[in-house]
Amino acid sequence: MYELVLPQLGEGIDKATVAVWHVQCGDTITDQDDIVEVVSDKATFNIPAGASGQVREICASQGDEVAVGQVLARIAQAENS
């Protein structure tokens, strides 16, 4: 199981707010798909999945503030990932 965490988005950015999810649980995705959009006080960022497979769990809801390193979603990886 791959855990997508909020990456370091830039210098001085240690948290962001989940703006919109582009996927739902059960969706099949590729590692390059942008699956969530987050907003910091400095910019808006699209976060790619990081692994191909099926979205199993979304761990942060729209409007939630998340810290760098916090799990956003869990992805059951495809066998070729």
PDB file of N, CA and C in Angstrom:
ATOM      1  N   MET A   1       0.857  -1.173   0.000  1.00  0.00           N
ATOM      2  CA  MET A   1       0.000   0.000   0.000  1.00  0.00           C
ATOM      3  C   MET A   1       0.899   1.231   0.000  1.00  0.00           C
ATOM      4  N   TYR A   2       0.648   2.121  -0.934  1.00  0.00           N
ATOM      5  CA  TYR A   2       1.421   3.360  -1.043  1.00  0.00           C
ATOM      6  C   TYR A   2       0.666   4.465  -0.307  1.00  0.00           C
ATOM      7  N   GLU A   3       1.369   5.224   0.500  1.00  0.00           N
ATOM      8  CA  GLU A   3       0.772   6.355   1.196  1.00  0.00           C
ATOM      9  C   GLU A   3       1.240   7.651   0.547  1.00  0.00           C
ATOM     10  N   LEU A   4       0.287   8.388  -0.005  1.00  0.00           N
ATOM     11  CA  LEU A   4       0.579   9.702  -0.575  1.00  0.00           C
ATOM     12  C   LEU A   4       0.549  10.710   0.562  1.00  0.00           C
ATOM     13  N   VAL A   5       1.664  11.370   0.784  1.00  0.00           N
ATOM     14  CA  VAL A   5       1.746  12.372   1.847  1.00  0.00           C
ATOM     15  C   VAL A   5       1.882  13.758   1.230  1.00  0.00           C
ATOM     16  N   LEU A   6       1.535  14.768   2.004  1.00  0.00           N
ATOM     17  CA  LEU A   6       1.730  16.134   1.535  1.00  0.00           C
ATOM     18  C   LEU A   6       3.228  16.394   1.446  1.00  0.00           C
ATOM     19  N   PRO A   7       3.726  16.662   0.236  1.00  0.00           N
ATOM     20  CA  PRO A   7       5.166  16.899   0.083  1.00  0.00           C
ATOM     21  C   PRO A   7       5.551  18.305   0.538  1.00  0.00           C
ATOM     22  N   GLN A   8       6.840  18.527   0.666  1.00  0.00           N
ATOM     23  CA  GLN A   8       7.344  19.880   0.929  1.00  0.00           C
ATOM     24  C   GLN A   8       7.051  20.696  -0.319  1.00  0.00           C
ATOM     25  N   LEU A   9       6.228  21.712  -0.194  1.00  0.00           N
ATOM     26  CA  LEU A   9       5.756  22.470  -1.350  1.00  0.00           C
ATOM     27  C   LEU A   9       6.645  23.654  -1.696  1.00  0.00           C
ATOM     28  N   GLY A  10       7.442  24.070  -0.777  1.00  0.00           N
ATOM     29  CA  GLY A  10       8.324  25.207  -1.009  1.00  0.00           C
ATOM     30  C   GLY A  10       8.878  25.690   0.315  1.00  0.00           C
ATOM     31  N   GLU A  11       9.853  26.547   0.212  1.00  0.00           N
ATOM     32  CA  GLU A  11      10.487  27.071   1.414  1.00  0.00           C
ATOM     33  C   GLU A  11       9.475  27.833   2.266  1.00  0.00           C
ATOM     34  N   GLY A  12       9.403  27.459   3.520  1.00  0.00           N
ATOM     35  CA  GLY A  12       8.513  28.148   4.448  1.00  0.00           C
ATOM     36  C   GLY A  12       7.067  27.691   4.402  1.00  0.00           C
ATOM     37  N   ILE A  13       6.766  26.706   3.572  1.00  0.00           N
ATOM     38  CA  ILE A  13       5.398  26.183   3.510  1.00  0.00           C
ATOM     39  C   ILE A  13       5.369  24.861   4.264  1.00  0.00           C
ATOM     40  N   ASP A  14       4.696  24.856   5.408  1.00  0.00           N
ATOM     41  CA  ASP A  14       4.664  23.641   6.223  1.00  0.00           C
ATOM     42  C   ASP A  14       3.264  23.053   6.372  1.00  0.00           C
ATOM     43  N   LYS A  15       2.272  23.710   5.742  1.00  0.00           N
ATOM     44  CA  LYS A  15       0.915  23.196   5.762  1.00  0.00           C
ATOM     45  C   LYS A  15       0.155  23.746   4.559  1.00  0.00           C
ATOM     46  N   ALA A  16      -0.955  23.077   4.254  1.00  0.00           N
ATOM     47  CA  ALA A  16      -1.812  23.505   3.155  1.00  0.00           C
ATOM     48  C   ALA A  16      -3.229  23.024   3.444  1.00  0.00           C
ATOM     49  N   THR A  17      -4.183  23.569   2.711  1.00  0.00           N
ATOM     50  CA  THR A  17      -5.579  23.183   2.856  1.00  0.00           C
ATOM     51  C   THR A  17      -6.004  22.402   1.624  1.00  0.00           C
ATOM     52  N   VAL A  18      -6.686  21.274   1.848  1.00  0.00           N
ATOM     53  CA  VAL A  18      -7.197  20.486   0.723  1.00  0.00           C
ATOM     54  C   VAL A  18      -8.315  21.285   0.063  1.00  0.00           C
ATOM     55  N   ALA A  19      -8.124  21.608  -1.226  1.00  0.00           N
ATOM     56  CA  ALA A  19      -9.119  22.400  -1.960  1.00  0.00           C
ATOM     57  C   ALA A  19     -10.123  21.498  -2.668  1.00  0.00           C
ATOM     58  N   VAL A  20      -9.623  20.512  -3.413  1.00  0.00           N
ATOM     59  CA  VAL A  20     -10.525  19.633  -4.156  1.00  0.00           C
ATOM     60  C   VAL A  20      -9.831  18.312  -4.477  1.00  0.00           C
ATOM     61  N   TRP A  21     -10.573  17.235  -4.355  1.00  0.00           N
ATOM     62  CA  TRP A  21     -10.097  15.918  -4.772  1.00  0.00           C
ATOM     63  C   TRP A  21     -10.555  15.684  -6.199  1.00  0.00           C
ATOM     64  N   HIS A  22      -9.664  15.172  -7.044  1.00  0.00           N
ATOM     65  CA  HIS A  22      -9.993  14.857  -8.433  1.00  0.00           C
ATOM     66  C   HIS A  22     -10.309  13.374  -8.597  1.00  0.00           C
ATOM     67  N   VAL A  23     -10.290  12.616  -7.494  1.00  0.00           N
ATOM     68  CA  VAL A  23     -10.558  11.176  -7.512  1.00  0.00           C
ATOM     69  C   VAL A  23     -11.487  10.821  -6.356  1.00  0.00           C
ATOM     70  N   GLN A  24     -12.003   9.594  -6.417  1.00  0.00           N
ATOM     71  CA  GLN A  24     -12.805   9.035  -5.332  1.00  0.00           C
ATOM     72  C   GLN A  24     -12.232   7.671  -4.983  1.00  0.00           C
ATOM     73  N   CYS A  25     -12.595   7.157  -3.820  1.00  0.00           N
ATOM     74  CA  CYS A  25     -12.190   5.802  -3.464  1.00  0.00           C
ATOM     75  C   CYS A  25     -12.678   4.841  -4.543  1.00  0.00           C
ATOM     76  N   GLY A  26     -11.791   3.923  -4.922  1.00  0.00           N
ATOM     77  CA  GLY A  26     -12.121   2.944  -5.951  1.00  0.00           C
ATOM     78  C   GLY A  26     -11.634   3.320  -7.339  1.00  0.00           C
ATOM     79  N   ASP A  27     -11.275   4.592  -7.555  1.00  0.00           N
ATOM     80  CA  ASP A  27     -10.779   5.020  -8.868  1.00  0.00           C
ATOM     81  C   ASP A  27      -9.427   4.394  -9.161  1.00  0.00           C
ATOM     82  N   THR A  28      -9.209   4.042 -10.416  1.00  0.00           N
ATOM     83  CA  THR A  28      -7.911   3.547 -10.878  1.00  0.00           C
ATOM     84  C   THR A  28      -7.140   4.732 -11.446  1.00  0.00           C
ATOM     85  N   ILE A  29      -5.890   4.873 -11.016  1.00  0.00           N
ATOM     86  CA  ILE A  29      -5.079   6.032 -11.385  1.00  0.00           C
ATOM     87  C   ILE A  29      -3.695   5.595 -11.841  1.00  0.00           C
ATOM     88  N   THR A  30      -2.987   6.533 -12.485  1.00  0.00           N
ATOM     89  CA  THR A  30      -1.576   6.323 -12.809  1.00  0.00           C
ATOM     90  C   THR A  30      -0.747   7.225 -11.909  1.00  0.00           C
ATOM     91  N   ASP A  31       0.530   6.932 -11.823  1.00  0.00           N
ATOM     92  CA  ASP A  31       1.401   7.682 -10.906  1.00  0.00           C
ATOM     93  C   ASP A  31       1.508   9.162 -11.247  1.00  0.00           C
ATOM     94  N   GLN A  32       1.231   9.538 -12.494  1.00  0.00           N
ATOM     95  CA  GLN A  32       1.355  10.934 -12.910  1.00  0.00           C
ATOM     96  C   GLN A  32       0.052  11.728 -12.797  1.00  0.00           C
ATOM     97  N   ASP A  33      -1.055  11.049 -12.494  1.00  0.00           N
ATOM     98  CA  ASP A  33      -2.347  11.739 -12.380  1.00  0.00           C
ATOM     99  C   ASP A  33      -2.338  12.700 -11.198  1.00  0.00           C
ATOM    100  N   ASP A  34      -2.771  13.946 -11.448  1.00  0.00           N
ATOM    101  CA  ASP A  34      -2.970  14.889 -10.352  1.00  0.00           C
ATOM    102  C   ASP A  34      -4.263  14.492  -9.663  1.00  0.00           C
ATOM    103  N   ILE A  35      -4.160  14.103  -8.386  1.00  0.00           N
ATOM    104  CA  ILE A  35      -5.363  13.591  -7.726  1.00  0.00           C
ATOM    105  C   ILE A  35      -5.952  14.535  -6.683  1.00  0.00           C
ATOM    106  N   VAL A  36      -5.165  15.512  -6.242  1.00  0.00           N
ATOM    107  CA  VAL A  36      -5.689  16.453  -5.248  1.00  0.00           C
ATOM    108  C   VAL A  36      -5.048  17.826  -5.455  1.00  0.00           C
ATOM    109  N   GLU A  37      -5.833  18.852  -5.199  1.00  0.00           N
ATOM    110  CA  GLU A  37      -5.356  20.228  -5.270  1.00  0.00           C
ATOM    111  C   GLU A  37      -5.338  20.783  -3.855  1.00  0.00           C
ATOM    112  N   VAL A  38      -4.226  21.370  -3.469  1.00  0.00           N
ATOM    113  CA  VAL A  38      -4.093  21.973  -2.146  1.00  0.00           C
ATOM    114  C   VAL A  38      -3.710  23.439  -2.295  1.00  0.00           C
ATOM    115  N   VAL A  39      -4.059  24.214  -1.292  1.00  0.00           N
ATOM    116  CA  VAL A  39      -3.794  25.648  -1.315  1.00  0.00           C
ATOM    117  C   VAL A  39      -3.031  26.028  -0.055  1.00  0.00           C
ATOM    118  N   SER A  40      -1.929  26.749  -0.243  1.00  0.00           N
ATOM    119  CA  SER A  40      -1.201  27.306   0.908  1.00  0.00           C
ATOM    120  C   SER A  40      -1.446  28.808   0.911  1.00  0.00           C
ATOM    121  N   ASP A  41      -0.834  29.488   1.868  1.00  0.00           N
ATOM    122  CA  ASP A  41      -0.979  30.944   1.890  1.00  0.00           C
ATOM    123  C   ASP A  41      -0.192  31.609   0.757  1.00  0.00           C
ATOM    124  N   LYS A  42       0.604  30.809   0.025  1.00  0.00           N
ATOM    125  CA  LYS A  42       1.440  31.364  -1.039  1.00  0.00           C
ATOM    126  C   LYS A  42       1.029  30.951  -2.449  1.00  0.00           C
ATOM    127  N   ALA A  43       0.409  29.757  -2.604  1.00  0.00           N
ATOM    128  CA  ALA A  43       0.110  29.263  -3.952  1.00  0.00           C
ATOM    129  C   ALA A  43      -0.849  28.077  -3.900  1.00  0.00           C
ATOM    130  N   THR A  44      -1.309  27.682  -5.098  1.00  0.00           N
ATOM    131  CA  THR A  44      -2.134  26.485  -5.266  1.00  0.00           C
ATOM    132  C   THR A  44      -1.285  25.427  -5.944  1.00  0.00           C
ATOM    133  N   PHE A  45      -1.391  24.185  -5.473  1.00  0.00           N
ATOM    134  CA  PHE A  45      -0.572  23.088  -5.993  1.00  0.00           C
ATOM    135  C   PHE A  45      -1.444  21.889  -6.345  1.00  0.00           C
ATOM    136  N   ASN A  46      -1.151  21.243  -7.468  1.00  0.00           N
ATOM    137  CA  ASN A  46      -1.745  19.961  -7.811  1.00  0.00           C
ATOM    138  C   ASN A  46      -0.755  18.885  -7.413  1.00  0.00           C
ATOM    139  N   ILE A  47      -1.219  17.880  -6.682  1.00  0.00           N
ATOM    140  CA  ILE A  47      -0.347  16.821  -6.183  1.00  0.00           C
ATOM    141  C   ILE A  47      -0.599  15.550  -7.003  1.00  0.00           C
ATOM    142  N   PRO A  48       0.466  15.025  -7.664  1.00  0.00           N
ATOM    143  CA  PRO A  48       0.311  13.777  -8.417  1.00  0.00           C
ATOM    144  C   PRO A  48       0.259  12.574  -7.476  1.00  0.00           C
ATOM    145  N   ALA A  49      -0.330  11.495  -7.977  1.00  0.00           N
ATOM    146  CA  ALA A  49      -0.538  10.296  -7.170  1.00  0.00           C
ATOM    147  C   ALA A  49       0.758   9.699  -6.641  1.00  0.00           C
ATOM    148  N   GLY A  50       1.788   9.628  -7.472  1.00  0.00           N
ATOM    149  CA  GLY A  50       3.056   9.046  -7.030  1.00  0.00           C
ATOM    150  C   GLY A  50       3.130   7.545  -7.191  1.00  0.00           C
ATOM    151  N   ALA A  51       1.978   6.887  -7.435  1.00  0.00           N
ATOM    152  CA  ALA A  51       1.939   5.442  -7.657  1.00  0.00           C
ATOM    153  C   ALA A  51       0.707   5.127  -8.494  1.00  0.00           C
ATOM    154  N   SER A  52       0.830   4.118  -9.331  1.00  0.00           N
ATOM    155  CA  SER A  52      -0.321   3.657 -10.118  1.00  0.00           C
ATOM    156  C   SER A  52      -1.066   2.598  -9.317  1.00  0.00           C
ATOM    157  N   GLY A  53      -2.378   2.583  -9.462  1.00  0.00           N
ATOM    158  CA  GLY A  53      -3.174   1.585  -8.763  1.00  0.00           C
ATOM    159  C   GLY A  53      -4.578   2.077  -8.525  1.00  0.00           C
ATOM    160  N   GLN A  54      -5.149   1.654  -7.388  1.00  0.00           N
ATOM    161  CA  GLN A  54      -6.520   2.000  -7.045  1.00  0.00           C
ATOM    162  C   GLN A  54      -6.538   2.793  -5.742  1.00  0.00           C
ATOM    163  N   VAL A  55      -7.268   3.909  -5.747  1.00  0.00           N
ATOM    164  CA  VAL A  55      -7.416   4.715  -4.540  1.00  0.00           C
ATOM    165  C   VAL A  55      -8.238   3.907  -3.535  1.00  0.00           C
ATOM    166  N   ARG A  56      -7.658   3.617  -2.387  1.00  0.00           N
ATOM    167  CA  ARG A  56      -8.335   2.815  -1.359  1.00  0.00           C
ATOM    168  C   ARG A  56      -8.899   3.671  -0.234  1.00  0.00           C
ATOM    169  N   GLU A  57      -8.199   4.767   0.083  1.00  0.00           N
ATOM    170  CA  GLU A  57      -8.660   5.602   1.197  1.00  0.00           C
ATOM    171  C   GLU A  57      -8.243   7.040   0.968  1.00  0.00           C
ATOM    172  N   ILE A  58      -9.166   7.950   1.201  1.00  0.00           N
ATOM    173  CA  ILE A  58      -8.865   9.380   1.190  1.00  0.00           C
ATOM    174  C   ILE A  58      -8.846   9.809   2.651  1.00  0.00           C
ATOM    175  N   CYS A  59      -7.701  10.308   3.095  1.00  0.00           N
ATOM    176  CA  CYS A  59      -7.465  10.534   4.524  1.00  0.00           C
ATOM    177  C   CYS A  59      -7.672  11.979   4.972  1.00  0.00           C
ATOM    178  N   ALA A  60      -7.898  12.886   4.035  1.00  0.00           N
ATOM    179  CA  ALA A  60      -8.135  14.287   4.374  1.00  0.00           C
ATOM    180  C   ALA A  60      -9.286  14.793   3.507  1.00  0.00           C
ATOM    181  N   SER A  61     -10.222  15.450   4.132  1.00  0.00           N
ATOM    182  CA  SER A  61     -11.399  15.943   3.423  1.00  0.00           C
ATOM    183  C   SER A  61     -11.163  17.342   2.870  1.00  0.00           C
ATOM    184  N   GLN A  62     -11.995  17.707   1.902  1.00  0.00           N
ATOM    185  CA  GLN A  62     -11.947  19.062   1.367  1.00  0.00           C
ATOM    186  C   GLN A  62     -12.119  20.044   2.517  1.00  0.00           C
ATOM    187  N   GLY A  63     -11.240  21.042   2.580  1.00  0.00           N
ATOM    188  CA  GLY A  63     -11.280  22.036   3.647  1.00  0.00           C
ATOM    189  C   GLY A  63     -10.366  21.732   4.820  1.00  0.00           C
ATOM    190  N   ASP A  64      -9.862  20.489   4.907  1.00  0.00           N
ATOM    191  CA  ASP A  64      -8.946  20.124   5.995  1.00  0.00           C
ATOM    192  C   ASP A  64      -7.580  20.770   5.798  1.00  0.00           C
ATOM    193  N   GLU A  65      -7.005  21.243   6.888  1.00  0.00           N
ATOM    194  CA  GLU A  65      -5.624  21.730   6.862  1.00  0.00           C
ATOM    195  C   GLU A  65      -4.717  20.544   7.178  1.00  0.00           C
ATOM    196  N   VAL A  66      -3.711  20.331   6.333  1.00  0.00           N
ATOM    197  CA  VAL A  66      -2.795  19.212   6.507  1.00  0.00           C
ATOM    198  C   VAL A  66      -1.362  19.721   6.576  1.00  0.00           C
ATOM    199  N   ALA A  67      -0.553  18.994   7.323  1.00  0.00           N
ATOM    200  CA  ALA A  67       0.858  19.354   7.492  1.00  0.00           C
ATOM    201  C   ALA A  67       1.716  18.561   6.512  1.00  0.00           C
ATOM    202  N   VAL A  68       2.876  19.097   6.189  1.00  0.00           N
ATOM    203  CA  VAL A  68       3.837  18.377   5.358  1.00  0.00           C
ATOM    204  C   VAL A  68       4.120  17.031   6.010  1.00  0.00           C
ATOM    205  N   GLY A  69       4.043  15.957   5.220  1.00  0.00           N
ATOM    206  CA  GLY A  69       4.275  14.614   5.726  1.00  0.00           C
ATOM    207  C   GLY A  69       3.019  13.881   6.161  1.00  0.00           C
ATOM    208  N   GLN A  70       1.909  14.600   6.267  1.00  0.00           N
ATOM    209  CA  GLN A  70       0.647  13.966   6.661  1.00  0.00           C
ATOM    210  C   GLN A  70       0.093  13.156   5.485  1.00  0.00           C
ATOM    211  N   VAL A  71      -0.475  11.990   5.781  1.00  0.00           N
ATOM    212  CA  VAL A  71      -1.030  11.119   4.737  1.00  0.00           C
ATOM    213  C   VAL A  71      -2.301  11.739   4.165  1.00  0.00           C
ATOM    214  N   LEU A  72      -2.331  11.866   2.824  1.00  0.00           N
ATOM    215  CA  LEU A  72      -3.502  12.378   2.123  1.00  0.00           C
ATOM    216  C   LEU A  72      -4.389  11.251   1.614  1.00  0.00           C
ATOM    217  N   ALA A  73      -3.736  10.194   1.097  1.00  0.00           N
ATOM    218  CA  ALA A  73      -4.491   9.070   0.530  1.00  0.00           C
ATOM    219  C   ALA A  73      -3.640   7.813   0.563  1.00  0.00           C
ATOM    220  N   ARG A  74      -4.329   6.672   0.484  1.00  0.00           N
ATOM    221  CA  ARG A  74      -3.653   5.376   0.384  1.00  0.00           C
ATOM    222  C   ARG A  74      -4.052   4.739  -0.933  1.00  0.00           C
ATOM    223  N   ILE A  75      -3.036   4.212  -1.640  1.00  0.00           N
ATOM    224  CA  ILE A  75      -3.239   3.666  -2.968  1.00  0.00           C
ATOM    225  C   ILE A  75      -2.750   2.223  -2.989  1.00  0.00           C
ATOM    226  N   ALA A  76      -3.620   1.311  -3.401  1.00  0.00           N
ATOM    227  CA  ALA A  76      -3.227  -0.088  -3.598  1.00  0.00           C
ATOM    228  C   ALA A  76      -2.520  -0.114  -4.945  1.00  0.00           C
ATOM    229  N   GLN A  77      -1.222  -0.385  -4.921  1.00  0.00           N
ATOM    230  CA  GLN A  77      -0.404  -0.288  -6.126  1.00  0.00           C
ATOM    231  C   GLN A  77      -0.703  -1.391  -7.124  1.00  0.00           C
ATOM    232  N   ALA A  78      -0.661  -1.000  -8.402  1.00  0.00           N
ATOM    233  CA  ALA A  78      -0.752  -1.964  -9.488  1.00  0.00           C
ATOM    234  C   ALA A  78       0.504  -2.817  -9.453  1.00  0.00           C
ATOM    235  N   GLU A  79       0.425  -4.032  -9.961  1.00  0.00           N
ATOM    236  CA  GLU A  79       1.558  -4.964  -9.887  1.00  0.00           C
ATOM    237  C   GLU A  79       2.808  -4.461 -10.586  1.00  0.00           C
ATOM    238  N   ASN A  80       2.666  -3.593 -11.601  1.00  0.00           N
ATOM    239  CA  ASN A  80       3.843  -3.111 -12.324  1.00  0.00           C
ATOM    240  C   ASN A  80       4.376  -1.792 -11.780  1.00  0.00           C
ATOM    241  N   SER A  81       3.895  -1.344 -10.617  1.00  0.00           N
ATOM    242  CA  SER A  81       4.383  -0.091 -10.013  1.00  0.00           C
ATOM    243  C   SER A  81       5.613  -0.346  -9.182  1.00  0.00           C
TER     244      SER A  81
END
